[in-house]
Amino acid sequence: HLSLAASQMPQILVDHPWTPAVLWDRVALTCQGSGTPSGITWYKDGKRWQEGANLIFVTTSGTYTCDRAGSGFSPPVTVKNDQLVLQVPVRALLEGDTVTLRCRR
């Protein structure tokens, strides 16, 4: 059950088929939700970073959130730049499902 406030909170869509997102793959983030599309502010590691763009391409690791005027802050999304990363597909999984994991350096 979602409250009305939670359902209006913006979300960051990660255009990437694996999680966590890593810099050696091209990572695009979209701030989606209600509120004013022109009133978007992006934050990186808790600090104001960019304004106005709904879609950004990430070139540095960090934790990203977006603030969409009228609907508040999104939950954070972390983009990594680790030497070794275990990735899983970005999709819902149920117990007993077969899943492919990626271990990348």
N, C-alpha and C. Protein backbone atom coordinates (compact mmCIF):
# COMPACT_ATOMS: atom_id res chain seq x y z
N HIS A 1 0.85 -1.18 0.00
CA HIS A 1 0.00 0.00 0.00
C HIS A 1 0.89 1.24 0.00
N LEU A 2 0.72 2.10 -0.96
CA LEU A 2 1.50 3.33 -1.06
C LEU A 2 0.65 4.51 -0.64
N SER A 3 1.25 5.42 0.08
CA SER A 3 0.53 6.65 0.39
C SER A 3 0.57 7.55 -0.83
N LEU A 4 -0.30 8.52 -0.86
CA LEU A 4 -0.35 9.45 -1.97
C LEU A 4 0.98 10.19 -2.10
N ALA A 5 1.57 10.57 -0.98
CA ALA A 5 2.85 11.29 -1.02
C ALA A 5 3.94 10.41 -1.62
N ALA A 6 3.98 9.14 -1.25
CA ALA A 6 5.02 8.24 -1.77
C ALA A 6 4.83 7.99 -3.26
N SER A 7 3.59 7.90 -3.71
CA SER A 7 3.35 7.62 -5.13
C SER A 7 3.70 8.82 -6.01
N GLN A 8 3.74 10.04 -5.44
CA GLN A 8 4.08 11.23 -6.21
C GLN A 8 5.57 11.54 -6.19
N MET A 9 6.32 10.85 -5.35
CA MET A 9 7.75 11.09 -5.24
C MET A 9 8.42 10.72 -6.56
N PRO A 10 9.34 11.54 -7.07
CA PRO A 10 10.00 11.21 -8.33
C PRO A 10 10.87 9.97 -8.19
N GLN A 11 11.14 9.33 -9.29
CA GLN A 11 12.00 8.15 -9.35
C GLN A 11 13.10 8.41 -10.36
N ILE A 12 14.26 7.83 -10.14
CA ILE A 12 15.33 7.89 -11.13
C ILE A 12 15.30 6.59 -11.92
N LEU A 13 15.12 6.71 -13.22
CA LEU A 13 15.18 5.55 -14.09
C LEU A 13 16.61 5.41 -14.58
N VAL A 14 17.17 4.21 -14.41
CA VAL A 14 18.54 3.93 -14.84
C VAL A 14 18.45 3.16 -16.15
N ASP A 15 18.96 3.77 -17.22
CA ASP A 15 18.95 3.11 -18.53
C ASP A 15 20.16 2.19 -18.61
N HIS A 16 20.01 1.04 -17.97
CA HIS A 16 21.12 0.10 -17.87
C HIS A 16 20.52 -1.24 -17.46
N PRO A 17 20.87 -2.35 -18.12
CA PRO A 17 20.22 -3.62 -17.82
C PRO A 17 20.77 -4.35 -16.60
N TRP A 18 21.84 -3.85 -15.98
CA TRP A 18 22.46 -4.52 -14.85
C TRP A 18 22.55 -3.58 -13.66
N THR A 19 22.55 -4.18 -12.45
CA THR A 19 22.75 -3.40 -11.24
C THR A 19 23.84 -4.06 -10.40
N PRO A 20 24.75 -3.32 -9.78
CA PRO A 20 24.81 -1.87 -9.81
C PRO A 20 25.29 -1.34 -11.16
N ALA A 21 24.90 -0.11 -11.47
CA ALA A 21 25.40 0.54 -12.68
C ALA A 21 26.87 0.89 -12.46
N VAL A 22 27.68 0.68 -13.49
CA VAL A 22 29.11 0.97 -13.38
C VAL A 22 29.54 1.88 -14.52
N LEU A 23 30.58 2.66 -14.28
CA LEU A 23 30.98 3.69 -15.22
C LEU A 23 31.49 3.16 -16.55
N TRP A 24 32.05 1.95 -16.58
CA TRP A 24 32.57 1.49 -17.86
C TRP A 24 31.46 1.15 -18.84
N ASP A 25 30.23 1.09 -18.37
CA ASP A 25 29.06 1.03 -19.25
C ASP A 25 28.50 2.45 -19.33
N ARG A 26 27.86 2.77 -20.43
CA ARG A 26 27.24 4.10 -20.53
C ARG A 26 26.01 4.13 -19.63
N VAL A 27 25.95 5.05 -18.70
CA VAL A 27 24.86 5.11 -17.74
C VAL A 27 24.08 6.41 -17.95
N ALA A 28 22.78 6.27 -18.24
CA ALA A 28 21.89 7.42 -18.39
C ALA A 28 20.87 7.38 -17.25
N LEU A 29 20.64 8.51 -16.62
CA LEU A 29 19.65 8.63 -15.54
C LEU A 29 18.57 9.61 -15.97
N THR A 30 17.30 9.22 -15.73
CA THR A 30 16.16 10.08 -16.04
C THR A 30 15.38 10.32 -14.77
N CYS A 31 15.07 11.59 -14.49
CA CYS A 31 14.25 11.95 -13.33
C CYS A 31 12.79 11.95 -13.79
N GLN A 32 12.03 10.97 -13.32
CA GLN A 32 10.65 10.81 -13.78
C GLN A 32 9.69 11.00 -12.62
N GLY A 33 8.58 11.67 -12.88
CA GLY A 33 7.57 11.85 -11.86
C GLY A 33 6.70 13.05 -12.16
N SER A 34 5.81 13.34 -11.22
CA SER A 34 4.95 14.51 -11.38
C SER A 34 5.75 15.75 -10.99
N GLY A 35 5.14 16.89 -11.09
CA GLY A 35 5.84 18.12 -10.78
C GLY A 35 6.28 18.81 -12.05
N THR A 36 7.04 19.87 -11.91
CA THR A 36 7.44 20.69 -13.04
C THR A 36 8.66 20.11 -13.74
N PRO A 37 8.53 19.71 -15.03
CA PRO A 37 9.68 19.13 -15.73
C PRO A 37 10.87 20.09 -15.82
N SER A 38 10.60 21.39 -15.91
CA SER A 38 11.71 22.35 -16.01
C SER A 38 12.33 22.65 -14.65
N GLY A 39 11.70 22.16 -13.59
CA GLY A 39 12.21 22.44 -12.24
C GLY A 39 12.97 21.28 -11.65
N ILE A 40 13.86 20.66 -12.43
CA ILE A 40 14.62 19.50 -11.96
C ILE A 40 16.01 19.93 -11.52
N THR A 41 16.40 19.48 -10.33
CA THR A 41 17.76 19.69 -9.83
C THR A 41 18.34 18.33 -9.48
N TRP A 42 19.53 18.06 -9.99
CA TRP A 42 20.25 16.82 -9.69
C TRP A 42 21.25 17.07 -8.56
N TYR A 43 21.38 16.08 -7.68
CA TYR A 43 22.36 16.13 -6.61
C TYR A 43 23.28 14.93 -6.73
N LYS A 44 24.56 15.17 -6.50
CA LYS A 44 25.56 14.09 -6.51
C LYS A 44 26.23 14.10 -5.14
N ASP A 45 26.18 12.96 -4.47
CA ASP A 45 26.77 12.82 -3.13
C ASP A 45 26.26 13.91 -2.17
N GLY A 46 24.96 14.23 -2.30
CA GLY A 46 24.32 15.17 -1.39
C GLY A 46 24.51 16.64 -1.72
N LYS A 47 25.26 16.94 -2.79
CA LYS A 47 25.50 18.34 -3.15
C LYS A 47 24.85 18.68 -4.49
N ARG A 48 24.31 19.89 -4.59
CA ARG A 48 23.68 20.35 -5.84
C ARG A 48 24.68 20.19 -6.97
N TRP A 49 24.21 19.62 -8.11
CA TRP A 49 25.15 19.25 -9.17
C TRP A 49 24.76 19.84 -10.52
N GLN A 50 23.53 19.62 -10.99
CA GLN A 50 23.06 20.14 -12.28
C GLN A 50 21.60 20.54 -12.16
N GLU A 51 21.19 21.47 -13.02
CA GLU A 51 19.80 21.90 -13.02
C GLU A 51 19.21 21.87 -14.41
N GLY A 52 17.89 21.60 -14.47
CA GLY A 52 17.13 21.75 -15.71
C GLY A 52 16.99 20.53 -16.57
N ALA A 53 17.98 19.65 -16.59
CA ALA A 53 17.94 18.50 -17.50
C ALA A 53 17.18 17.33 -16.87
N ASN A 54 16.24 16.76 -17.62
CA ASN A 54 15.51 15.58 -17.18
C ASN A 54 16.39 14.33 -17.31
N LEU A 55 17.24 14.30 -18.34
CA LEU A 55 18.11 13.16 -18.65
C LEU A 55 19.56 13.60 -18.52
N ILE A 56 20.35 12.80 -17.78
CA ILE A 56 21.78 13.08 -17.67
C ILE A 56 22.57 11.82 -17.99
N PHE A 57 23.79 12.00 -18.47
CA PHE A 57 24.71 10.90 -18.69
C PHE A 57 25.80 11.01 -17.63
N VAL A 58 25.99 9.93 -16.89
CA VAL A 58 26.89 9.93 -15.74
C VAL A 58 28.30 9.57 -16.18
N THR A 59 29.26 10.39 -15.76
CA THR A 59 30.67 10.13 -16.10
C THR A 59 31.55 9.98 -14.86
N THR A 60 30.97 10.17 -13.67
CA THR A 60 31.72 9.97 -12.44
C THR A 60 30.89 9.15 -11.47
N SER A 61 31.58 8.34 -10.66
CA SER A 61 30.87 7.52 -9.69
C SER A 61 30.29 8.40 -8.59
N GLY A 62 29.27 7.90 -7.92
CA GLY A 62 28.66 8.65 -6.83
C GLY A 62 27.23 8.21 -6.60
N THR A 63 26.59 8.89 -5.66
CA THR A 63 25.19 8.63 -5.34
C THR A 63 24.38 9.81 -5.83
N TYR A 64 23.40 9.54 -6.69
CA TYR A 64 22.62 10.57 -7.37
C TYR A 64 21.18 10.57 -6.89
N THR A 65 20.63 11.78 -6.70
CA THR A 65 19.20 11.96 -6.44
C THR A 65 18.73 13.11 -7.32
N CYS A 66 17.43 13.15 -7.57
CA CYS A 66 16.88 14.30 -8.28
C CYS A 66 15.75 14.90 -7.46
N ASP A 67 15.60 16.20 -7.61
CA ASP A 67 14.53 16.96 -6.95
C ASP A 67 13.69 17.56 -8.06
N ARG A 68 12.44 17.16 -8.11
CA ARG A 68 11.52 17.66 -9.13
C ARG A 68 10.57 18.63 -8.44
N ALA A 69 10.60 19.90 -8.83
CA ALA A 69 9.79 20.93 -8.17
C ALA A 69 8.34 20.49 -8.04
N GLY A 70 7.82 20.51 -6.84
CA GLY A 70 6.44 20.14 -6.59
C GLY A 70 6.25 18.71 -6.14
N SER A 71 7.30 17.86 -6.27
CA SER A 71 7.11 16.47 -5.84
C SER A 71 8.24 15.94 -4.97
N GLY A 72 9.29 16.70 -4.75
CA GLY A 72 10.32 16.30 -3.80
C GLY A 72 11.47 15.50 -4.39
N PHE A 73 12.21 14.86 -3.48
CA PHE A 73 13.43 14.14 -3.84
C PHE A 73 13.15 12.67 -4.18
N SER A 74 13.93 12.15 -5.11
CA SER A 74 13.87 10.74 -5.46
C SER A 74 14.69 9.92 -4.46
N PRO A 75 14.46 8.61 -4.40
CA PRO A 75 15.40 7.75 -3.67
C PRO A 75 16.75 7.78 -4.39
N PRO A 76 17.85 7.53 -3.68
CA PRO A 76 19.17 7.61 -4.30
C PRO A 76 19.47 6.44 -5.23
N VAL A 77 20.32 6.72 -6.23
CA VAL A 77 20.86 5.70 -7.13
C VAL A 77 22.37 5.82 -7.08
N THR A 78 23.06 4.68 -6.88
CA THR A 78 24.52 4.69 -6.79
C THR A 78 25.12 4.16 -8.08
N VAL A 79 26.10 4.88 -8.61
CA VAL A 79 26.87 4.45 -9.78
C VAL A 79 28.29 4.21 -9.29
N LYS A 80 28.80 3.01 -9.58
CA LYS A 80 30.11 2.61 -9.05
C LYS A 80 31.21 2.70 -10.09
N ASN A 81 32.43 2.74 -9.60
CA ASN A 81 33.62 2.68 -10.45
C ASN A 81 34.62 1.73 -9.82
N ASP A 82 34.13 0.62 -9.28
CA ASP A 82 34.98 -0.35 -8.60
C ASP A 82 35.77 -1.18 -9.61
N GLN A 83 36.87 -1.75 -9.15
CA GLN A 83 37.69 -2.61 -10.01
C GLN A 83 37.01 -3.95 -10.28
N LEU A 84 36.24 -4.45 -9.32
CA LEU A 84 35.57 -5.74 -9.46
C LEU A 84 34.12 -5.58 -9.01
N VAL A 85 33.18 -5.93 -9.87
CA VAL A 85 31.76 -5.71 -9.58
C VAL A 85 30.98 -6.97 -9.92
N LEU A 86 30.11 -7.40 -9.00
CA LEU A 86 29.16 -8.47 -9.26
C LEU A 86 27.84 -7.82 -9.62
N GLN A 87 27.36 -8.07 -10.85
CA GLN A 87 26.12 -7.43 -11.31
C GLN A 87 25.02 -8.47 -11.48
N VAL A 88 23.79 -8.02 -11.25
CA VAL A 88 22.61 -8.85 -11.48
C VAL A 88 21.68 -8.10 -12.43
N PRO A 89 20.83 -8.82 -13.17
CA PRO A 89 19.90 -8.14 -14.08
C PRO A 89 18.92 -7.26 -13.31
N VAL A 90 18.52 -6.15 -13.93
CA VAL A 90 17.54 -5.26 -13.32
C VAL A 90 16.16 -5.76 -13.73
N ARG A 91 15.63 -6.69 -12.98
CA ARG A 91 14.27 -7.21 -13.21
C ARG A 91 13.84 -7.96 -11.96
N ALA A 92 12.55 -8.12 -11.83
CA ALA A 92 12.02 -8.82 -10.67
C ALA A 92 12.37 -10.30 -10.76
N LEU A 93 12.78 -10.88 -9.65
CA LEU A 93 13.12 -12.29 -9.59
C LEU A 93 12.30 -12.95 -8.50
N LEU A 94 11.93 -14.18 -8.76
CA LEU A 94 11.20 -14.97 -7.77
C LEU A 94 12.06 -16.16 -7.37
N GLU A 95 11.80 -16.70 -6.18
CA GLU A 95 12.53 -17.88 -5.74
C GLU A 95 12.37 -18.99 -6.76
N GLY A 96 13.48 -19.61 -7.14
CA GLY A 96 13.46 -20.68 -8.13
C GLY A 96 13.78 -20.21 -9.54
N ASP A 97 13.76 -18.89 -9.79
CA ASP A 97 14.12 -18.37 -11.11
C ASP A 97 15.59 -18.61 -11.39
N THR A 98 15.92 -18.81 -12.65
CA THR A 98 17.31 -18.88 -13.07
C THR A 98 17.78 -17.46 -13.37
N VAL A 99 18.97 -17.15 -12.88
CA VAL A 99 19.49 -15.79 -13.09
C VAL A 99 20.95 -15.87 -13.52
N THR A 100 21.34 -14.97 -14.40
CA THR A 100 22.74 -14.87 -14.81
C THR A 100 23.38 -13.72 -14.04
N LEU A 101 24.51 -14.00 -13.41
CA LEU A 101 25.27 -12.98 -12.71
C LEU A 101 26.50 -12.64 -13.54
N ARG A 102 26.94 -11.39 -13.45
CA ARG A 102 28.13 -10.95 -14.17
C ARG A 102 29.17 -10.48 -13.17
N CYS A 103 30.35 -11.08 -13.22
CA CYS A 103 31.47 -10.62 -12.40
C CYS A 103 32.44 -9.96 -13.36
N ARG A 104 32.66 -8.64 -13.19
CA ARG A 104 33.45 -7.89 -14.16
C ARG A 104 34.59 -7.15 -13.51
N ARG A 105 35.70 -7.06 -14.22
CA ARG A 105 36.85 -6.26 -13.78
C ARG A 105 37.15 -5.20 -14.81
